[in-house]
Amino acid sequence: MKFITDVLPGESVILTTSLIHCHLQIVDLFDKAVVIFEYSPPAEGWTHESLCALDIPLERLRGADAYLGDTWVGSTEV
């Protein structure tokens, strides 16, 4: 899984205060209604580093997207 939550100069912050405490949902790439995995946020909230540190077992999947709330934050296809 590749997360797009790191911030480079000139880019907008994705991990806003309203998102860092949302559950992370890993959904099927072809059917967003199918939640494959769900992770509770750390007590201090999600950071780019904490998202990237997750060991998400995606080897057998066709592809997946990652969402915090309704905000897309990553994919296997990035």
PDB file of N, CA and C in Angstrom:
ATOM      1  N   MET A   1       0.854  -1.170   0.000  1.00  0.00           N
ATOM      2  CA  MET A   1       0.000   0.000   0.000  1.00  0.00           C
ATOM      3  C   MET A   1       0.898   1.231   0.000  1.00  0.00           C
ATOM      4  N   LYS A   2       0.597   2.169  -0.858  1.00  0.00           N
ATOM      5  CA  LYS A   2       1.319   3.444  -0.920  1.00  0.00           C
ATOM      6  C   LYS A   2       0.375   4.541  -0.430  1.00  0.00           C
ATOM      7  N   PHE A   3       0.851   5.318   0.536  1.00  0.00           N
ATOM      8  CA  PHE A   3       0.053   6.412   1.075  1.00  0.00           C
ATOM      9  C   PHE A   3       0.551   7.732   0.505  1.00  0.00           C
ATOM     10  N   ILE A   4      -0.381   8.633   0.218  1.00  0.00           N
ATOM     11  CA  ILE A   4      -0.050   9.931  -0.377  1.00  0.00           C
ATOM     12  C   ILE A   4      -0.138  11.046   0.661  1.00  0.00           C
ATOM     13  N   THR A   5       0.114  10.717   1.898  1.00  0.00           N
ATOM     14  CA  THR A   5      -0.103  11.657   2.999  1.00  0.00           C
ATOM     15  C   THR A   5       1.130  12.447   3.392  1.00  0.00           C
ATOM     16  N   ASP A   6       2.270  12.168   2.753  1.00  0.00           N
ATOM     17  CA  ASP A   6       3.442  12.999   3.031  1.00  0.00           C
ATOM     18  C   ASP A   6       3.238  14.349   2.341  1.00  0.00           C
ATOM     19  N   VAL A   7       3.821  15.390   2.875  1.00  0.00           N
ATOM     20  CA  VAL A   7       3.612  16.737   2.340  1.00  0.00           C
ATOM     21  C   VAL A   7       4.938  17.279   1.825  1.00  0.00           C
ATOM     22  N   LEU A   8       4.957  17.582   0.549  1.00  0.00           N
ATOM     23  CA  LEU A   8       6.118  18.190  -0.080  1.00  0.00           C
ATOM     24  C   LEU A   8       5.877  19.690  -0.191  1.00  0.00           C
ATOM     25  N   PRO A   9       6.922  20.482  -0.356  1.00  0.00           N
ATOM     26  CA  PRO A   9       6.742  21.936  -0.471  1.00  0.00           C
ATOM     27  C   PRO A   9       5.722  22.291  -1.561  1.00  0.00           C
ATOM     28  N   GLY A  10       4.794  23.167  -1.211  1.00  0.00           N
ATOM     29  CA  GLY A  10       3.769  23.609  -2.146  1.00  0.00           C
ATOM     30  C   GLY A  10       2.532  22.737  -2.195  1.00  0.00           C
ATOM     31  N   GLU A  11       2.518  21.623  -1.471  1.00  0.00           N
ATOM     32  CA  GLU A  11       1.360  20.736  -1.463  1.00  0.00           C
ATOM     33  C   GLU A  11       0.466  21.013  -0.261  1.00  0.00           C
ATOM     34  N   SER A  12      -0.800  20.661  -0.401  1.00  0.00           N
ATOM     35  CA  SER A  12      -1.757  20.806   0.698  1.00  0.00           C
ATOM     36  C   SER A  12      -1.595  19.660   1.688  1.00  0.00           C
ATOM     37  N   VAL A  13      -1.884  19.943   2.946  1.00  0.00           N
ATOM     38  CA  VAL A  13      -1.859  18.923   3.996  1.00  0.00           C
ATOM     39  C   VAL A  13      -3.102  18.050   3.844  1.00  0.00           C
ATOM     40  N   ILE A  14      -2.899  16.746   3.785  1.00  0.00           N
ATOM     41  CA  ILE A  14      -4.021  15.814   3.679  1.00  0.00           C
ATOM     42  C   ILE A  14      -4.480  15.362   5.057  1.00  0.00           C
ATOM     43  N   LEU A  15      -3.531  15.102   5.948  1.00  0.00           N
ATOM     44  CA  LEU A  15      -3.876  14.611   7.287  1.00  0.00           C
ATOM     45  C   LEU A  15      -4.267  15.776   8.190  1.00  0.00           C
ATOM     46  N   THR A  16      -5.460  16.286   7.959  1.00  0.00           N
ATOM     47  CA  THR A  16      -5.968  17.395   8.760  1.00  0.00           C
ATOM     48  C   THR A  16      -6.441  16.887  10.117  1.00  0.00           C
ATOM     49  N   THR A  17      -6.658  17.809  11.025  1.00  0.00           N
ATOM     50  CA  THR A  17      -7.124  17.463  12.369  1.00  0.00           C
ATOM     51  C   THR A  17      -8.400  16.636  12.317  1.00  0.00           C
ATOM     52  N   SER A  18      -9.273  16.917  11.359  1.00  0.00           N
ATOM     53  CA  SER A  18     -10.537  16.181  11.272  1.00  0.00           C
ATOM     54  C   SER A  18     -10.351  14.754  10.750  1.00  0.00           C
ATOM     55  N   LEU A  19      -9.217  14.448  10.133  1.00  0.00           N
ATOM     56  CA  LEU A  19      -9.003  13.107   9.579  1.00  0.00           C
ATOM     57  C   LEU A  19      -8.114  12.201  10.416  1.00  0.00           C
ATOM     58  N   ILE A  20      -7.224  12.768  11.205  1.00  0.00           N
ATOM     59  CA  ILE A  20      -6.212  11.931  11.861  1.00  0.00           C
ATOM     60  C   ILE A  20      -6.790  10.956  12.886  1.00  0.00           C
ATOM     61  N   HIS A  21      -8.025  11.176  13.306  1.00  0.00           N
ATOM     62  CA  HIS A  21      -8.652  10.264  14.269  1.00  0.00           C
ATOM     63  C   HIS A  21      -9.748   9.405  13.638  1.00  0.00           C
ATOM     64  N   CYS A  22      -9.832   9.414  12.307  1.00  0.00           N
ATOM     65  CA  CYS A  22     -10.788   8.555  11.599  1.00  0.00           C
ATOM     66  C   CYS A  22     -10.227   7.143  11.487  1.00  0.00           C
ATOM     67  N   HIS A  23     -11.122   6.177  11.372  1.00  0.00           N
ATOM     68  CA  HIS A  23     -10.696   4.809  11.104  1.00  0.00           C
ATOM     69  C   HIS A  23     -10.131   4.743   9.689  1.00  0.00           C
ATOM     70  N   LEU A  24      -9.095   3.946   9.520  1.00  0.00           N
ATOM     71  CA  LEU A  24      -8.527   3.690   8.203  1.00  0.00           C
ATOM     72  C   LEU A  24      -9.246   2.488   7.622  1.00  0.00           C
ATOM     73  N   GLN A  25      -9.831   2.668   6.452  1.00  0.00           N
ATOM     74  CA  GLN A  25     -10.483   1.558   5.772  1.00  0.00           C
ATOM     75  C   GLN A  25      -9.713   1.220   4.505  1.00  0.00           C
ATOM     76  N   ILE A  26      -9.428  -0.057   4.344  1.00  0.00           N
ATOM     77  CA  ILE A  26      -8.823  -0.575   3.130  1.00  0.00           C
ATOM     78  C   ILE A  26      -9.952  -1.258   2.372  1.00  0.00           C
ATOM     79  N   VAL A  27     -10.274  -0.730   1.192  1.00  0.00           N
ATOM     80  CA  VAL A  27     -11.425  -1.220   0.434  1.00  0.00           C
ATOM     81  C   VAL A  27     -10.970  -1.835  -0.886  1.00  0.00           C
ATOM     82  N   ASP A  28     -11.816  -2.698  -1.420  1.00  0.00           N
ATOM     83  CA  ASP A  28     -11.541  -3.336  -2.702  1.00  0.00           C
ATOM     84  C   ASP A  28     -11.442  -2.275  -3.794  1.00  0.00           C
ATOM     85  N   LEU A  29     -10.436  -2.382  -4.636  1.00  0.00           N
ATOM     86  CA  LEU A  29     -10.204  -1.415  -5.702  1.00  0.00           C
ATOM     87  C   LEU A  29     -11.373  -1.347  -6.674  1.00  0.00           C
ATOM     88  N   PHE A  30     -12.066  -2.459  -6.871  1.00  0.00           N
ATOM     89  CA  PHE A  30     -13.131  -2.521  -7.860  1.00  0.00           C
ATOM     90  C   PHE A  30     -14.530  -2.424  -7.263  1.00  0.00           C
ATOM     91  N   ASP A  31     -14.646  -2.488  -5.947  1.00  0.00           N
ATOM     92  CA  ASP A  31     -15.943  -2.354  -5.273  1.00  0.00           C
ATOM     93  C   ASP A  31     -15.715  -1.675  -3.927  1.00  0.00           C
ATOM     94  N   LYS A  32     -15.845  -0.364  -3.914  1.00  0.00           N
ATOM     95  CA  LYS A  32     -15.546   0.439  -2.722  1.00  0.00           C
ATOM     96  C   LYS A  32     -16.440   0.088  -1.528  1.00  0.00           C
ATOM     97  N   ALA A  33     -17.545  -0.614  -1.771  1.00  0.00           N
ATOM     98  CA  ALA A  33     -18.429  -1.009  -0.676  1.00  0.00           C
ATOM     99  C   ALA A  33     -17.853  -2.185   0.116  1.00  0.00           C
ATOM    100  N   VAL A  34     -16.855  -2.855  -0.432  1.00  0.00           N
ATOM    101  CA  VAL A  34     -16.253  -4.014   0.232  1.00  0.00           C
ATOM    102  C   VAL A  34     -15.054  -3.547   1.050  1.00  0.00           C
ATOM    103  N   VAL A  35     -15.239  -3.519   2.370  1.00  0.00           N
ATOM    104  CA  VAL A  35     -14.153  -3.143   3.275  1.00  0.00           C
ATOM    105  C   VAL A  35     -13.365  -4.408   3.600  1.00  0.00           C
ATOM    106  N   ILE A  36     -12.084  -4.406   3.229  1.00  0.00           N
ATOM    107  CA  ILE A  36     -11.242  -5.583   3.411  1.00  0.00           C
ATOM    108  C   ILE A  36     -10.623  -5.591   4.806  1.00  0.00           C
ATOM    109  N   PHE A  37     -10.100  -4.443   5.205  1.00  0.00           N
ATOM    110  CA  PHE A  37      -9.502  -4.276   6.531  1.00  0.00           C
ATOM    111  C   PHE A  37      -9.920  -2.926   7.081  1.00  0.00           C
ATOM    112  N   GLU A  38     -10.008  -2.844   8.410  1.00  0.00           N
ATOM    113  CA  GLU A  38     -10.273  -1.565   9.068  1.00  0.00           C
ATOM    114  C   GLU A  38      -9.348  -1.457  10.279  1.00  0.00           C
ATOM    115  N   TYR A  39      -8.745  -0.287  10.430  1.00  0.00           N
ATOM    116  CA  TYR A  39      -7.795  -0.049  11.516  1.00  0.00           C
ATOM    117  C   TYR A  39      -8.239   1.159  12.326  1.00  0.00           C
ATOM    118  N   SER A  40      -8.196   1.024  13.643  1.00  0.00           N
ATOM    119  CA  SER A  40      -8.475   2.155  14.531  1.00  0.00           C
ATOM    120  C   SER A  40      -7.268   3.081  14.546  1.00  0.00           C
ATOM    121  N   PRO A  41      -7.507   4.373  14.723  1.00  0.00           N
ATOM    122  CA  PRO A  41      -6.380   5.310  14.747  1.00  0.00           C
ATOM    123  C   PRO A  41      -5.573   5.170  16.032  1.00  0.00           C
ATOM    124  N   PRO A  42      -4.282   5.473  15.972  1.00  0.00           N
ATOM    125  CA  PRO A  42      -3.495   5.527  17.206  1.00  0.00           C
ATOM    126  C   PRO A  42      -4.044   6.639  18.105  1.00  0.00           C
ATOM    127  N   ALA A  43      -3.762   6.586  19.376  1.00  0.00           N
ATOM    128  CA  ALA A  43      -4.278   7.587  20.325  1.00  0.00           C
ATOM    129  C   ALA A  43      -3.919   9.007  19.910  1.00  0.00           C
ATOM    130  N   GLU A  44      -2.721   9.194  19.360  1.00  0.00           N
ATOM    131  CA  GLU A  44      -2.275  10.535  18.955  1.00  0.00           C
ATOM    132  C   GLU A  44      -2.729  10.896  17.542  1.00  0.00           C
ATOM    133  N   GLY A  45      -3.407   9.978  16.861  1.00  0.00           N
ATOM    134  CA  GLY A  45      -3.875  10.221  15.496  1.00  0.00           C
ATOM    135  C   GLY A  45      -2.880   9.707  14.465  1.00  0.00           C
ATOM    136  N   TRP A  46      -3.369   9.554  13.246  1.00  0.00           N
ATOM    137  CA  TRP A  46      -2.532   9.046  12.166  1.00  0.00           C
ATOM    138  C   TRP A  46      -1.492  10.063  11.738  1.00  0.00           C
ATOM    139  N   THR A  47      -0.322   9.568  11.402  1.00  0.00           N
ATOM    140  CA  THR A  47       0.719  10.352  10.745  1.00  0.00           C
ATOM    141  C   THR A  47       1.102   9.582   9.482  1.00  0.00           C
ATOM    142  N   HIS A  48       1.820  10.228   8.596  1.00  0.00           N
ATOM    143  CA  HIS A  48       2.287   9.521   7.401  1.00  0.00           C
ATOM    144  C   HIS A  48       3.113   8.304   7.815  1.00  0.00           C
ATOM    145  N   GLU A  49       3.951   8.490   8.814  1.00  0.00           N
ATOM    146  CA  GLU A  49       4.814   7.406   9.271  1.00  0.00           C
ATOM    147  C   GLU A  49       4.019   6.245   9.862  1.00  0.00           C
ATOM    148  N   SER A  50       2.979   6.553  10.648  1.00  0.00           N
ATOM    149  CA  SER A  50       2.200   5.465  11.254  1.00  0.00           C
ATOM    150  C   SER A  50       1.390   4.710  10.199  1.00  0.00           C
ATOM    151  N   LEU A  51       0.915   5.405   9.176  1.00  0.00           N
ATOM    152  CA  LEU A  51       0.209   4.721   8.088  1.00  0.00           C
ATOM    153  C   LEU A  51       1.164   3.794   7.332  1.00  0.00           C
ATOM    154  N   CYS A  52       2.337   4.301   6.995  1.00  0.00           N
ATOM    155  CA  CYS A  52       3.317   3.506   6.240  1.00  0.00           C
ATOM    156  C   CYS A  52       3.853   2.327   7.044  1.00  0.00           C
ATOM    157  N   ALA A  53       3.806   2.418   8.363  1.00  0.00           N
ATOM    158  CA  ALA A  53       4.327   1.349   9.217  1.00  0.00           C
ATOM    159  C   ALA A  53       3.361   0.168   9.353  1.00  0.00           C
ATOM    160  N   LEU A  54       2.118   0.332   8.917  1.00  0.00           N
ATOM    161  CA  LEU A  54       1.149  -0.760   9.023  1.00  0.00           C
ATOM    162  C   LEU A  54       1.572  -1.938   8.154  1.00  0.00           C
ATOM    163  N   ASP A  55       1.361  -3.121   8.672  1.00  0.00           N
ATOM    164  CA  ASP A  55       1.637  -4.343   7.916  1.00  0.00           C
ATOM    165  C   ASP A  55       0.303  -4.853   7.381  1.00  0.00           C
ATOM    166  N   ILE A  56      -0.072  -4.359   6.211  1.00  0.00           N
ATOM    167  CA  ILE A  56      -1.366  -4.701   5.617  1.00  0.00           C
ATOM    168  C   ILE A  56      -1.151  -5.868   4.651  1.00  0.00           C
ATOM    169  N   PRO A  57      -1.763  -7.023   4.926  1.00  0.00           N
ATOM    170  CA  PRO A  57      -1.533  -8.213   4.085  1.00  0.00           C
ATOM    171  C   PRO A  57      -2.321  -8.153   2.771  1.00  0.00           C
ATOM    172  N   LEU A  58      -1.731  -7.561   1.756  1.00  0.00           N
ATOM    173  CA  LEU A  58      -2.431  -7.333   0.491  1.00  0.00           C
ATOM    174  C   LEU A  58      -1.992  -8.265  -0.634  1.00  0.00           C
ATOM    175  N   GLU A  59      -1.158  -9.238  -0.355  1.00  0.00           N
ATOM    176  CA  GLU A  59      -0.562 -10.057  -1.404  1.00  0.00           C
ATOM    177  C   GLU A  59      -1.578 -10.745  -2.312  1.00  0.00           C
ATOM    178  N   ARG A  60      -2.689 -11.171  -1.780  1.00  0.00           N
ATOM    179  CA  ARG A  60      -3.659 -11.950  -2.562  1.00  0.00           C
ATOM    180  C   ARG A  60      -4.788 -11.110  -3.151  1.00  0.00           C
ATOM    181  N   LEU A  61      -4.729  -9.821  -2.990  1.00  0.00           N
ATOM    182  CA  LEU A  61      -5.810  -8.964  -3.471  1.00  0.00           C
ATOM    183  C   LEU A  61      -5.534  -8.475  -4.884  1.00  0.00           C
ATOM    184  N   ARG A  62      -6.607  -8.152  -5.598  1.00  0.00           N
ATOM    185  CA  ARG A  62      -6.477  -7.587  -6.945  1.00  0.00           C
ATOM    186  C   ARG A  62      -6.015  -6.146  -6.879  1.00  0.00           C
ATOM    187  N   GLY A  63      -6.275  -5.505  -5.807  1.00  0.00           N
ATOM    188  CA  GLY A  63      -5.935  -4.101  -5.614  1.00  0.00           C
ATOM    189  C   GLY A  63      -6.808  -3.528  -4.522  1.00  0.00           C
ATOM    190  N   ALA A  64      -6.353  -2.437  -3.927  1.00  0.00           N
ATOM    191  CA  ALA A  64      -7.107  -1.845  -2.827  1.00  0.00           C
ATOM    192  C   ALA A  64      -6.826  -0.351  -2.747  1.00  0.00           C
ATOM    193  N   ASP A  65      -7.791   0.378  -2.204  1.00  0.00           N
ATOM    194  CA  ASP A  65      -7.650   1.798  -1.912  1.00  0.00           C
ATOM    195  C   ASP A  65      -7.751   1.990  -0.410  1.00  0.00           C
ATOM    196  N   ALA A  66      -7.171   3.090   0.079  1.00  0.00           N
ATOM    197  CA  ALA A  66      -7.197   3.404   1.505  1.00  0.00           C
ATOM    198  C   ALA A  66      -7.932   4.720   1.721  1.00  0.00           C
ATOM    199  N   TYR A  67      -8.796   4.745   2.729  1.00  0.00           N
ATOM    200  CA  TYR A  67      -9.575   5.935   3.058  1.00  0.00           C
ATOM    201  C   TYR A  67      -9.510   6.226   4.546  1.00  0.00           C
ATOM    202  N   LEU A  68      -9.390   7.496   4.877  1.00  0.00           N
ATOM    203  CA  LEU A  68      -9.643   7.998   6.227  1.00  0.00           C
ATOM    204  C   LEU A  68     -10.933   8.785   6.112  1.00  0.00           C
ATOM    205  N   GLY A  69     -11.989   8.279   6.733  1.00  0.00           N
ATOM    206  CA  GLY A  69     -13.301   8.877   6.503  1.00  0.00           C
ATOM    207  C   GLY A  69     -13.636   8.719   5.024  1.00  0.00           C
ATOM    208  N   ASP A  70     -14.038   9.814   4.380  1.00  0.00           N
ATOM    209  CA  ASP A  70     -14.347   9.789   2.949  1.00  0.00           C
ATOM    210  C   ASP A  70     -13.172  10.235   2.090  1.00  0.00           C
ATOM    211  N   THR A  71     -12.023  10.468   2.709  1.00  0.00           N
ATOM    212  CA  THR A  71     -10.864  11.000   1.991  1.00  0.00           C
ATOM    213  C   THR A  71      -9.925   9.878   1.566  1.00  0.00           C
ATOM    214  N   TRP A  72      -9.662   9.819   0.261  1.00  0.00           N
ATOM    215  CA  TRP A  72      -8.737   8.832  -0.293  1.00  0.00           C
ATOM    216  C   TRP A  72      -7.326   9.209   0.112  1.00  0.00           C
ATOM    217  N   VAL A  73      -6.594   8.262   0.709  1.00  0.00           N
ATOM    218  CA  VAL A  73      -5.238   8.560   1.183  1.00  0.00           C
ATOM    219  C   VAL A  73      -4.186   7.597   0.643  1.00  0.00           C
ATOM    220  N   GLY A  74      -4.593   6.634  -0.179  1.00  0.00           N
ATOM    221  CA  GLY A  74      -3.600   5.726  -0.720  1.00  0.00           C
ATOM    222  C   GLY A  74      -4.208   4.605  -1.528  1.00  0.00           C
ATOM    223  N   SER A  75      -3.310   3.825  -2.147  1.00  0.00           N
ATOM    224  CA  SER A  75      -3.748   2.742  -3.010  1.00  0.00           C
ATOM    225  C   SER A  75      -2.595   1.782  -3.257  1.00  0.00           C
ATOM    226  N   THR A  76      -2.938   0.601  -3.712  1.00  0.00           N
ATOM    227  CA  THR A  76      -1.915  -0.315  -4.195  1.00  0.00           C
ATOM    228  C   THR A  76      -1.496   0.076  -5.603  1.00  0.00           C
ATOM    229  N   GLU A  77      -2.253   0.972  -6.222  1.00  0.00           N
ATOM    230  CA  GLU A  77      -2.024   1.332  -7.623  1.00  0.00           C
ATOM    231  C   GLU A  77      -1.353   2.687  -7.802  1.00  0.00           C
ATOM    232  N   VAL A  78      -0.785   3.262  -6.764  1.00  0.00           N
ATOM    233  CA  VAL A  78      -0.121   4.572  -6.874  1.00  0.00           C
ATOM    234  C   VAL A  78       1.263   4.371  -7.438  1.00  0.00           C
TER     235      VAL A  78
END
